[in-house]
C-alpha atoms as a PDB file:
ATOM      1  CA  MET A   1       8.640   3.157  28.272  1.00  0.00           C
ATOM      2  CA  ASP A   2       6.315   5.576  26.595  1.00  0.00           C
ATOM      3  CA  GLN A   3       3.336   3.642  27.496  1.00  0.00           C
ATOM      4  CA  ILE A   4      -0.280   4.628  28.233  1.00  0.00           C
ATOM      5  CA  THR A   5      -3.388   2.508  29.297  1.00  0.00           C
ATOM      6  CA  LEU A   6      -7.151   2.229  28.080  1.00  0.00           C
ATOM      7  CA  GLY A   7      -9.281   0.716  30.211  1.00  0.00           C
ATOM      8  CA  ASP A   8      -7.932  -3.042  29.570  1.00  0.00           C
ATOM      9  CA  VAL A   9      -5.552  -2.372  26.943  1.00  0.00           C
ATOM     10  CA  THR A  10      -1.930  -0.534  26.832  1.00  0.00           C
ATOM     11  CA  VAL A  11      -0.515   1.405  24.153  1.00  0.00           C
ATOM     12  CA  THR A  12       2.855   2.136  24.143  1.00  0.00           C
ATOM     13  CA  ARG A  13       4.047   4.549  21.470  1.00  0.00           C
ATOM     14  CA  VAL A  14       6.847   2.468  19.321  1.00  0.00           C
ATOM     15  CA  LYS A  15       9.039   5.254  16.877  1.00  0.00           C
ATOM     16  CA  GLU A  16      10.646   4.726  13.866  1.00  0.00           C
ATOM     17  CA  TYR A  17      11.613   8.078  12.627  1.00  0.00           C
ATOM     18  CA  TYR A  18      10.645  11.773  13.475  1.00  0.00           C
ATOM     19  CA  GLY A  19      11.470  14.709  11.500  1.00  0.00           C
ATOM     20  CA  PRO A  20      11.404  16.963   7.771  1.00  0.00           C
ATOM     21  CA  VAL A  21       9.965  15.390   4.958  1.00  0.00           C
ATOM     22  CA  GLY A  22      11.061  17.959   2.744  1.00  0.00           C
ATOM     23  CA  MET A  23       7.617  18.945   1.895  1.00  0.00           C
ATOM     24  CA  SER A  24       6.324  22.820   3.060  1.00  0.00           C
ATOM     25  CA  PRO A  25       2.226  23.139   4.853  1.00  0.00           C
ATOM     26  CA  ALA A  26       1.193  24.470   1.448  1.00  0.00           C
ATOM     27  CA  GLN A  27       2.954  21.128  -0.691  1.00  0.00           C
ATOM     28  CA  PHE A  28       1.664  18.671   1.947  1.00  0.00           C
ATOM     29  CA  PHE A  29      -1.990  20.343   2.632  1.00  0.00           C
ATOM     30  CA  PRO A  30      -2.753  22.496  -0.217  1.00  0.00           C
ATOM     31  CA  ASP A  31      -6.038  23.304   1.099  1.00  0.00           C
ATOM     32  CA  SER A  32      -5.318  24.339   4.280  1.00  0.00           C
ATOM     33  CA  PRO A  33      -7.391  27.537   4.923  1.00  0.00           C
ATOM     34  CA  GLU A  34      -5.460  30.684   4.207  1.00  0.00           C
ATOM     35  CA  GLY A  35      -3.051  31.555   7.198  1.00  0.00           C
ATOM     36  CA  SER A  36      -3.990  29.097   9.493  1.00  0.00           C
ATOM     37  CA  TRP A  37      -1.007  27.757   9.632  1.00  0.00           C
ATOM     38  CA  ASP A  38       0.555  30.945  11.197  1.00  0.00           C
ATOM     39  CA  GLU A  39      -2.220  31.085  13.518  1.00  0.00           C
ATOM     40  CA  HIS A  40      -1.783  28.477  14.896  1.00  0.00           C
ATOM     41  CA  ARG A  41       1.767  28.738  14.997  1.00  0.00           C
ATOM     42  CA  HIS A  42       2.412  28.856  18.183  1.00  0.00           C
ATOM     43  CA  TRP A  43       0.923  25.540  19.114  1.00  0.00           C
ATOM     44  CA  LEU A  44       2.362  23.982  15.635  1.00  0.00           C
ATOM     45  CA  GLU A  45       5.493  24.513  16.234  1.00  0.00           C
ATOM     46  CA  PRO A  46       8.191  22.872  16.819  1.00  0.00           C
ATOM     47  CA  ASP A  47       6.368  19.662  17.081  1.00  0.00           C
ATOM     48  CA  PHE A  48       4.125  19.763  13.849  1.00  0.00           C
ATOM     49  CA  TRP A  49       5.793  22.752  11.730  1.00  0.00           C
ATOM     50  CA  ASP A  50       9.077  23.978  11.284  1.00  0.00           C
ATOM     51  CA  ALA A  51       8.267  26.850  10.685  1.00  0.00           C
ATOM     52  CA  GLU A  52      11.726  28.513  10.082  1.00  0.00           C
ATOM     53  CA  ASN A  53      11.964  26.537   7.375  1.00  0.00           C
ATOM     54  CA  ASP A  54       8.537  25.998   6.381  1.00  0.00           C
ATOM     55  CA  GLU A  55       9.003  21.970   6.464  1.00  0.00           C
ATOM     56  CA  CYS A  56       6.214  19.681   8.136  1.00  0.00           C
ATOM     57  CA  ARG A  57       7.330  17.706  10.702  1.00  0.00           C
ATOM     58  CA  THR A  58       6.736  13.941  10.668  1.00  0.00           C
ATOM     59  CA  ALA A  59       6.402  11.249  12.959  1.00  0.00           C
ATOM     60  CA  LEU A  60       6.762   6.916  11.890  1.00  0.00           C
ATOM     61  CA  GLN A  61       5.704   5.110  14.319  1.00  0.00           C
ATOM     62  CA  THR A  62       3.288   2.233  15.156  1.00  0.00           C
ATOM     63  CA  TRP A  63       1.007   2.000  18.009  1.00  0.00           C
ATOM     64  CA  LEU A  64       1.761  -1.559  19.874  1.00  0.00           C
ATOM     65  CA  LEU A  65      -1.467  -2.419  21.578  1.00  0.00           C
ATOM     66  CA  ARG A  66      -1.705  -5.787  24.628  1.00  0.00           C
ATOM     67  CA  SER A  67      -5.325  -6.767  24.753  1.00  0.00           C
ATOM     68  CA  GLU A  68      -6.886  -9.900  26.064  1.00  0.00           C
ATOM     69  CA  GLY A  69      -3.207 -11.194  26.183  1.00  0.00           C
ATOM     70  CA  ARG A  70      -2.781 -10.713  22.227  1.00  0.00           C
ATOM     71  CA  THR A  71       0.483  -8.067  21.085  1.00  0.00           C
ATOM     72  CA  ILE A  72      -1.049  -6.004  18.390  1.00  0.00           C
ATOM     73  CA  LEU A  73       0.676  -3.883  15.697  1.00  0.00           C
ATOM     74  CA  VAL A  74      -0.893  -0.770  14.435  1.00  0.00           C
ATOM     75  CA  ASP A  75       0.687   0.008  11.352  1.00  0.00           C
ATOM     76  CA  THR A  76       4.197  -0.910  10.632  1.00  0.00           C
ATOM     77  CA  GLY A  77       5.872   2.258   9.409  1.00  0.00           C
ATOM     78  CA  VAL A  78       8.381   2.264   5.996  1.00  0.00           C
ATOM     79  CA  GLY A  79      10.825  -0.395   6.768  1.00  0.00           C
ATOM     80  CA  ASN A  80      14.598  -0.544   5.667  1.00  0.00           C
ATOM     81  CA  HIS A  81      16.111  -1.054   2.414  1.00  0.00           C
ATOM     82  CA  LYS A  82      13.506  -0.900   0.436  1.00  0.00           C
ATOM     83  CA  GLU A  83      13.452   0.828  -2.942  1.00  0.00           C
ATOM     84  CA  ARG A  84      11.625   3.860  -2.947  1.00  0.00           C
ATOM     85  CA  PRO A  85      12.326   5.642  -6.270  1.00  0.00           C
ATOM     86  CA  TYR A  86      10.035   7.707  -6.570  1.00  0.00           C
ATOM     87  CA  ALA A  87       9.482   8.635  -2.482  1.00  0.00           C
ATOM     88  CA  PRO A  88      13.116   9.108  -1.747  1.00  0.00           C
ATOM     89  CA  VAL A  89      13.450   9.885   1.494  1.00  0.00           C
ATOM     90  CA  TRP A  90      11.640   6.657   2.686  1.00  0.00           C
ATOM     91  CA  SER A  91      14.354   4.642   0.153  1.00  0.00           C
ATOM     92  CA  ARG A  92      16.973   2.474   1.513  1.00  0.00           C
ATOM     93  CA  LEU A  93      15.902   3.681   5.800  1.00  0.00           C
ATOM     94  CA  ASP A  94      18.425   1.476   7.943  1.00  0.00           C
ATOM     95  CA  THR A  95      16.405   2.608  11.525  1.00  0.00           C
ATOM     96  CA  ASP A  96      16.284   0.934  14.895  1.00  0.00           C
ATOM     97  CA  PHE A  97      12.978   0.358  14.784  1.00  0.00           C
ATOM     98  CA  LEU A  98      12.653  -3.584  15.878  1.00  0.00           C
ATOM     99  CA  ASP A  99      14.929  -2.412  18.687  1.00  0.00           C
ATOM    100  CA  ASN A 100      12.846  -0.064  20.091  1.00  0.00           C
ATOM    101  CA  LEU A 101      10.355  -2.753  19.583  1.00  0.00           C
ATOM    102  CA  ALA A 102      12.293  -4.964  21.669  1.00  0.00           C
ATOM    103  CA  ALA A 103      12.878  -2.235  23.971  1.00  0.00           C
ATOM    104  CA  ALA A 104       8.942  -2.503  24.269  1.00  0.00           C
ATOM    105  CA  GLY A 105       9.314  -6.243  25.089  1.00  0.00           C
ATOM    106  CA  VAL A 106       8.388  -7.328  22.140  1.00  0.00           C
ATOM    107  CA  ARG A 107      10.418  -9.818  19.309  1.00  0.00           C
ATOM    108  CA  PRO A 108       8.659 -10.214  16.062  1.00  0.00           C
ATOM    109  CA  GLU A 109       8.306 -13.736  16.867  1.00  0.00           C
ATOM    110  CA  ASP A 110       5.379 -12.359  19.779  1.00  0.00           C
ATOM    111  CA  VAL A 111       3.272 -10.344  17.923  1.00  0.00           C
ATOM    112  CA  ASP A 112      -0.172 -11.457  17.214  1.00  0.00           C
ATOM    113  CA  VAL A 113      -2.120  -9.152  15.000  1.00  0.00           C
ATOM    114  CA  VAL A 114      -0.699  -6.712  12.745  1.00  0.00           C
ATOM    115  CA  VAL A 115      -3.318  -4.120  11.929  1.00  0.00           C
ATOM    116  CA  ASN A 116      -1.990  -1.819   8.058  1.00  0.00           C
ATOM    117  CA  THR A 117      -4.952   0.763   8.548  1.00  0.00           C
ATOM    118  CA  HIS A 118      -3.938   1.360   4.700  1.00  0.00           C
ATOM    119  CA  LEU A 119      -1.490  -0.151   2.255  1.00  0.00           C
ATOM    120  CA  HIS A 120       0.524   3.523   1.881  1.00  0.00           C
ATOM    121  CA  ILE A 121       4.135   3.461   1.916  1.00  0.00           C
ATOM    122  CA  ASP A 122       4.744   4.382   5.429  1.00  0.00           C
ATOM    123  CA  HIS A 123       1.951   1.914   6.612  1.00  0.00           C
ATOM    124  CA  VAL A 124       3.384  -1.696   5.385  1.00  0.00           C
ATOM    125  CA  GLY A 125       7.331  -1.320   5.004  1.00  0.00           C
ATOM    126  CA  TRP A 126       7.984  -3.197   8.633  1.00  0.00           C
ATOM    127  CA  ASN A 127       5.512  -6.119   7.324  1.00  0.00           C
ATOM    128  CA  THR A 128       8.619  -7.751   6.020  1.00  0.00           C
ATOM    129  CA  VAL A 129      12.581  -7.941   6.265  1.00  0.00           C
ATOM    130  CA  LEU A 130      15.123  -8.934   3.382  1.00  0.00           C
ATOM    131  CA  ASP A 131      16.059 -12.171   4.232  1.00  0.00           C
ATOM    132  CA  GLY A 132      18.810 -13.034   1.382  1.00  0.00           C
ATOM    133  CA  ARG A 133      17.370 -11.611  -1.945  1.00  0.00           C
ATOM    134  CA  SER A 134      13.515 -12.299  -0.877  1.00  0.00           C
ATOM    135  CA  TRP A 135      11.158 -10.461   1.099  1.00  0.00           C
ATOM    136  CA  VAL A 136       9.997 -12.025   4.032  1.00  0.00           C
ATOM    137  CA  PRO A 137       6.549 -11.792   6.907  1.00  0.00           C
ATOM    138  CA  THR A 138       8.642 -10.058   9.694  1.00  0.00           C
ATOM    139  CA  PHE A 139       6.463 -11.272  12.313  1.00  0.00           C
ATOM    140  CA  PRO A 140       5.679 -14.643  11.293  1.00  0.00           C
ATOM    141  CA  ASN A 141       2.933 -15.761  13.679  1.00  0.00           C
ATOM    142  CA  ALA A 142       0.343 -12.620  13.709  1.00  0.00           C
ATOM    143  CA  THR A 143      -2.167 -12.379  11.125  1.00  0.00           C
ATOM    144  CA  TYR A 144      -1.837  -9.105   9.226  1.00  0.00           C
ATOM    145  CA  LEU A 145      -5.529  -7.572   8.414  1.00  0.00           C
ATOM    146  CA  VAL A 146      -5.935  -5.739   5.647  1.00  0.00           C
ATOM    147  CA  ALA A 147      -9.038  -3.955   4.194  1.00  0.00           C
ATOM    148  CA  GLN A 148     -10.233  -5.623   1.355  1.00  0.00           C
ATOM    149  CA  ARG A 149     -10.868  -2.391  -0.943  1.00  0.00           C
ATOM    150  CA  ASP A 150      -7.368  -1.133  -0.163  1.00  0.00           C
ATOM    151  CA  PHE A 151      -5.987  -4.491  -1.596  1.00  0.00           C
ATOM    152  CA  ASP A 152      -7.646  -4.605  -4.668  1.00  0.00           C
ATOM    153  CA  PHE A 153      -6.847  -0.452  -5.102  1.00  0.00           C
ATOM    154  CA  TRP A 154      -3.184  -1.086  -4.339  1.00  0.00           C
ATOM    155  CA  ASP A 155      -2.712  -4.477  -6.697  1.00  0.00           C
ATOM    156  CA  PRO A 156      -0.926  -3.163  -9.718  1.00  0.00           C
ATOM    157  CA  ALA A 157      -2.566  -5.994 -11.576  1.00  0.00           C
ATOM    158  CA  ASN A 158      -5.615  -4.088 -11.267  1.00  0.00           C
ATOM    159  CA  GLY A 159      -4.368  -0.873 -12.858  1.00  0.00           C
ATOM    160  CA  HIS A 160      -5.757   1.705 -11.025  1.00  0.00           C
ATOM    161  CA  PRO A 161      -4.707   5.260 -10.687  1.00  0.00           C
ATOM    162  CA  SER A 162      -3.702   7.167  -8.061  1.00  0.00           C
ATOM    163  CA  VAL A 163      -3.309  10.846  -6.822  1.00  0.00           C
ATOM    164  CA  PHE A 164       0.273   9.594  -5.916  1.00  0.00           C
ATOM    165  CA  GLY A 165       1.256   9.003  -9.124  1.00  0.00           C
ATOM    166  CA  ARG A 166       4.258   6.467  -8.703  1.00  0.00           C
ATOM    167  CA  GLY A 167       4.925   7.356  -4.525  1.00  0.00           C
ATOM    168  CA  ASN A 168       3.900   3.479  -3.807  1.00  0.00           C
ATOM    169  CA  GLN A 169       5.349   1.839  -6.525  1.00  0.00           C
ATOM    170  CA  ASN A 170       7.227  -1.052  -5.326  1.00  0.00           C
ATOM    171  CA  VAL A 171       5.354  -1.317  -2.351  1.00  0.00           C
ATOM    172  CA  PHE A 172       2.584  -3.933  -2.558  1.00  0.00           C
ATOM    173  CA  GLU A 173       4.994  -6.382  -4.269  1.00  0.00           C
ATOM    174  CA  ASP A 174       7.745  -5.907  -1.418  1.00  0.00           C
ATOM    175  CA  SER A 175       5.686  -4.869   1.929  1.00  0.00           C
ATOM    176  CA  VAL A 176       1.981  -6.888   0.885  1.00  0.00           C
ATOM    177  CA  ALA A 177       2.072  -9.871  -1.872  1.00  0.00           C
ATOM    178  CA  PRO A 178       4.644 -11.405   0.393  1.00  0.00           C
ATOM    179  CA  VAL A 179       2.677 -11.802   3.151  1.00  0.00           C
ATOM    180  CA  HIS A 180      -0.211 -12.713   0.839  1.00  0.00           C
ATOM    181  CA  GLU A 181       1.663 -15.581  -0.238  1.00  0.00           C
ATOM    182  CA  ALA A 182       2.175 -16.732   3.290  1.00  0.00           C
ATOM    183  CA  GLY A 183      -1.540 -17.040   4.044  1.00  0.00           C
ATOM    184  CA  LEU A 184      -1.069 -14.253   6.818  1.00  0.00           C
ATOM    185  CA  ILE A 185      -3.112 -11.913   5.348  1.00  0.00           C
ATOM    186  CA  GLN A 186      -6.908 -11.850   6.660  1.00  0.00           C
ATOM    187  CA  LEU A 187      -9.022  -9.547   4.700  1.00  0.00           C
ATOM    188  CA  TRP A 188     -11.956  -7.830   5.439  1.00  0.00           C
ATOM    189  CA  ASP A 189     -14.681  -5.128   4.352  1.00  0.00           C
ATOM    190  CA  ASP A 190     -17.126  -3.097   6.349  1.00  0.00           C
ATOM    191  CA  SER A 191     -15.653  -4.219   9.858  1.00  0.00           C
ATOM    192  CA  TYR A 192     -13.751  -6.949  12.048  1.00  0.00           C
ATOM    193  CA  ARG A 193     -13.822  -7.651  15.662  1.00  0.00           C
ATOM    194  CA  ILE A 194     -10.153  -8.534  16.637  1.00  0.00           C
ATOM    195  CA  ASP A 195     -11.721  -8.614  20.564  1.00  0.00           C
ATOM    196  CA  ALA A 196     -13.955  -7.352  22.870  1.00  0.00           C
ATOM    197  CA  ASN A 197     -12.104  -3.968  23.280  1.00  0.00           C
ATOM    198  CA  LEU A 198     -10.937  -3.858  19.805  1.00  0.00           C
ATOM    199  CA  ARG A 199     -12.481  -3.689  15.977  1.00  0.00           C
ATOM    200  CA  LEU A 200     -11.575  -2.301  12.711  1.00  0.00           C
ATOM    201  CA  GLU A 201     -14.017   0.010  10.872  1.00  0.00           C
ATOM    202  CA  LEU A 202     -13.897   1.210   7.368  1.00  0.00           C
ATOM    203  CA  ALA A 203     -13.410   4.923   7.162  1.00  0.00           C
ATOM    204  CA  PRO A 204     -12.591   5.944   3.391  1.00  0.00           C
ATOM    205  CA  GLY A 205     -11.396   8.798   1.710  1.00  0.00           C
ATOM    206  CA  HIS A 206      -7.785   9.052   2.325  1.00  0.00           C
ATOM    207  CA  THR A 207      -7.814   5.584   0.459  1.00  0.00           C
ATOM    208  CA  PRO A 208     -10.574   3.805  -0.843  1.00  0.00           C
ATOM    209  CA  GLY A 209     -10.077   0.815   2.257  1.00  0.00           C
ATOM    210  CA  SER A 210      -8.575   3.440   5.020  1.00  0.00           C
ATOM    211  CA  ALA A 211      -9.551   2.122   8.132  1.00  0.00           C
ATOM    212  CA  VAL A 212     -10.190   3.332  12.330  1.00  0.00           C
ATOM    213  CA  LEU A 213      -9.428   1.098  14.517  1.00  0.00           C
ATOM    214  CA  VAL A 214     -11.945   1.790  17.906  1.00  0.00           C
ATOM    215  CA  LEU A 215     -11.558   0.694  21.465  1.00  0.00           C
ATOM    216  CA  GLU A 216     -13.615   0.695  23.966  1.00  0.00           C
ATOM    217  CA  SER A 217     -12.702  -0.572  26.893  1.00  0.00           C
ATOM    218  CA  GLY A 218     -14.384  -0.092  30.390  1.00  0.00           C
ATOM    219  CA  SER A 219     -14.377   3.999  30.434  1.00  0.00           C
ATOM    220  CA  ASP A 220     -12.149   4.587  27.992  1.00  0.00           C
ATOM    221  CA  ASN A 221     -12.673   4.943  24.367  1.00  0.00           C
ATOM    222  CA  ALA A 222      -9.933   5.929  21.115  1.00  0.00           C
ATOM    223  CA  LEU A 223      -9.780   6.248  18.150  1.00  0.00           C
ATOM    224  CA  PHE A 224      -7.033   5.073  15.640  1.00  0.00           C
ATOM    225  CA  VAL A 225      -7.041   6.779  12.661  1.00  0.00           C
ATOM    226  CA  GLY A 226      -4.461   6.740  10.328  1.00  0.00           C
ATOM    227  CA  ASP A 227      -4.295   8.900   8.099  1.00  0.00           C
ATOM    228  CA  LEU A 228      -7.198  10.730   8.385  1.00  0.00           C
ATOM    229  CA  VAL A 229      -5.434  12.710  10.480  1.00  0.00           C
ATOM    230  CA  HIS A 230      -1.896  13.323   9.182  1.00  0.00           C
ATOM    231  CA  THR A 231      -0.755  16.220  11.123  1.00  0.00           C
ATOM    232  CA  ALA A 232      -2.218  18.259  14.322  1.00  0.00           C
ATOM    233  CA  GLN A 233      -3.541  21.610  12.018  1.00  0.00           C
ATOM    234  CA  GLN A 234      -6.113  19.382  10.836  1.00  0.00           C
ATOM    235  CA  LEU A 235      -7.311  18.691  14.058  1.00  0.00           C
ATOM    236  CA  VAL A 236      -8.521  22.305  14.114  1.00  0.00           C
ATOM    237  CA  GLU A 237      -9.154  22.570  10.727  1.00  0.00           C
ATOM    238  CA  PRO A 238     -10.705  19.203   9.312  1.00  0.00           C
ATOM    239  CA  GLN A 239     -11.774  20.296   5.935  1.00  0.00           C
ATOM    240  CA  THR A 240      -7.685  19.980   5.150  1.00  0.00           C
ATOM    241  CA  ASN A 241      -6.709  17.063   3.371  1.00  0.00           C
ATOM    242  CA  SER A 242      -3.529  15.905   2.654  1.00  0.00           C
ATOM    243  CA  CYS A 243      -2.278  15.817  -0.844  1.00  0.00           C
ATOM    244  CA  PHE A 244      -2.559  12.150  -0.980  1.00  0.00           C
ATOM    245  CA  CYS A 245      -6.328  11.630  -0.399  1.00  0.00           C
ATOM    246  CA  GLU A 246      -7.676  10.050  -2.956  1.00  0.00           C
ATOM    247  CA  ASP A 247     -11.187  10.962  -2.489  1.00  0.00           C
ATOM    248  CA  PRO A 248     -11.153  14.723  -0.962  1.00  0.00           C
ATOM    249  CA  VAL A 249     -14.671  14.913  -0.497  1.00  0.00           C
ATOM    250  CA  GLN A 250     -15.258  11.639   1.154  1.00  0.00           C
ATOM    251  CA  SER A 251     -11.917  12.094   3.250  1.00  0.00           C
ATOM    252  CA  ARG A 252     -13.278  15.640   4.812  1.00  0.00           C
ATOM    253  CA  ALA A 253     -16.690  14.105   5.349  1.00  0.00           C
ATOM    254  CA  THR A 254     -14.885  10.941   7.321  1.00  0.00           C
ATOM    255  CA  ARG A 255     -12.696  13.612   9.411  1.00  0.00           C
ATOM    256  CA  ARG A 256     -15.444  15.151  10.434  1.00  0.00           C
ATOM    257  CA  THR A 257     -17.665  12.109  11.256  1.00  0.00           C
ATOM    258  CA  LEU A 258     -14.670  10.834  13.331  1.00  0.00           C
ATOM    259  CA  LEU A 259     -13.942  13.823  15.267  1.00  0.00           C
ATOM    260  CA  GLY A 260     -17.457  14.511  16.325  1.00  0.00           C
ATOM    261  CA  ARG A 261     -17.543  11.352  17.158  1.00  0.00           C
ATOM    262  CA  ALA A 262     -13.931  11.355  19.369  1.00  0.00           C
ATOM    263  CA  ALA A 263     -15.316  14.816  21.074  1.00  0.00           C
ATOM    264  CA  ASP A 264     -18.717  13.253  22.035  1.00  0.00           C
ATOM    265  CA  THR A 265     -17.582   9.704  23.358  1.00  0.00           C
ATOM    266  CA  THR A 266     -14.455  11.674  25.134  1.00  0.00           C
ATOM    267  CA  ALA A 267     -12.431   9.848  22.874  1.00  0.00           C
ATOM    268  CA  LEU A 268      -8.506   9.662  22.592  1.00  0.00           C
ATOM    269  CA  VAL A 269      -7.251  10.622  19.097  1.00  0.00           C
ATOM    270  CA  LEU A 270      -4.463   8.306  17.721  1.00  0.00           C
ATOM    271  CA  PRO A 271      -3.067   9.306  14.172  1.00  0.00           C
ATOM    272  CA  ALA A 272      -0.442   7.753  12.555  1.00  0.00           C
ATOM    273  CA  HIS A 273       1.927  10.240  12.379  1.00  0.00           C
ATOM    274  CA  LEU A 274       2.120  13.057  15.085  1.00  0.00           C
ATOM    275  CA  GLY A 275       5.013  14.047  16.875  1.00  0.00           C
ATOM    276  CA  GLY A 276       4.719  16.162  20.088  1.00  0.00           C
ATOM    277  CA  HIS A 277       2.870  13.892  22.182  1.00  0.00           C
ATOM    278  CA  GLY A 278       1.613  11.616  20.068  1.00  0.00           C
ATOM    279  CA  ALA A 279      -2.434  12.047  20.304  1.00  0.00           C
ATOM    280  CA  ALA A 280      -4.858  13.785  22.004  1.00  0.00           C
ATOM    281  CA  GLU A 281      -8.611  14.573  22.804  1.00  0.00           C
ATOM    282  CA  VAL A 282     -11.021  17.220  21.072  1.00  0.00           C
ATOM    283  CA  VAL A 283     -14.096  19.330  21.820  1.00  0.00           C
ATOM    284  CA  ARG A 284     -16.502  20.535  19.079  1.00  0.00           C
ATOM    285  CA  ASP A 285     -15.709  24.773  18.573  1.00  0.00           C
ATOM    286  CA  GLY A 286     -18.748  25.586  16.529  1.00  0.00           C
ATOM    287  CA  SER A 287     -18.138  23.719  13.151  1.00  0.00           C
ATOM    288  CA  LYS A 288     -14.908  22.987  14.062  1.00  0.00           C
ATOM    289  CA  PHE A 289     -13.382  21.271  16.865  1.00  0.00           C
ATOM    290  CA  ALA A 290     -10.452  22.076  19.136  1.00  0.00           C
ATOM    291  CA  ILE A 291      -7.892  20.239  21.468  1.00  0.00           C
ATOM    292  CA  LYS A 292      -8.908  19.672  24.659  1.00  0.00           C
ATOM    293  CA  ASP A 293      -6.147  17.836  25.875  1.00  0.00           C
ATOM    294  CA  TRP A 294      -2.728  16.350  24.444  1.00  0.00           C
ATOM    295  CA  ALA A 295      -2.381  12.493  25.157  1.00  0.00           C
ATOM    296  CA  GLY A 296      -0.202  11.269  28.417  1.00  0.00           C
ATOM    297  CA  PHE A 297       2.820  10.199  25.912  1.00  0.00           C
ATOM    298  CA  SER A 298       6.436  11.940  26.647  1.00  0.00           C
ATOM    299  CA  ARG A 299       6.979  14.218  24.073  1.00  0.00           C
ATOM    300  CA  ILE A 300       9.326  13.467  21.305  1.00  0.00           C
ATOM    301  CA  ALA A 301      11.460  15.483  19.704  1.00  0.00           C
END
């Protein structure tokens, strides 16, 4: 089992997918400092970058937490059988995610809390599964925690334009609305306390309601930062945004704040999409940051 313990909380990495996403660093992270990928190539390759083919590599994974007797999932990936006409790499997948979750000792009915750090296509897919011709909640006994600001922004009835264009098409309808209609979504704003070890805080920029899950237990600290850090390059070049950040200025500011907090409190940084060892400790390096050590998860390839 790919698991570490932080204070009284166990954290297990549950894989959905790992590999290329059909985008180069220049496409995915267009404001990367010139030459920075080549500068860091010795550790970005092969876990985060296939330099020979100039393709970014990413992981789709869910963080499974066990805290105070409850089972908590942080982000739910892309999901199976979803129609994604403007994101073909994620369309109609058929992965073993639920089997991987079962291998970690969790059945869908065992899940108590689902955290969606934001409502992008690759963070909410397993919120629902197909039952006949209907999408139904995958985790029928769970409370799904969703930031009010993201819920409002991505509700197509509100007509908000996005830098994503049509890339998030169908996502609200098949992966969010059915859970809301089932009465399982708890909307929150500013902050939300899950238990004595875990709380959610708004961390806007990537999306208006992007959230960070803060773990503080005993002497251990961790930040589950969703897509505020999308690739390991951003750990050392925090001014770099992905092309999917709704508010680039705010995204940079939030990333710097969170990485500074992680460095100052020796908090483990757990993004949603890192391959390799999946998470890292950072330290300050002048106006930037440096990777002190990788997390204790086994390296995926």
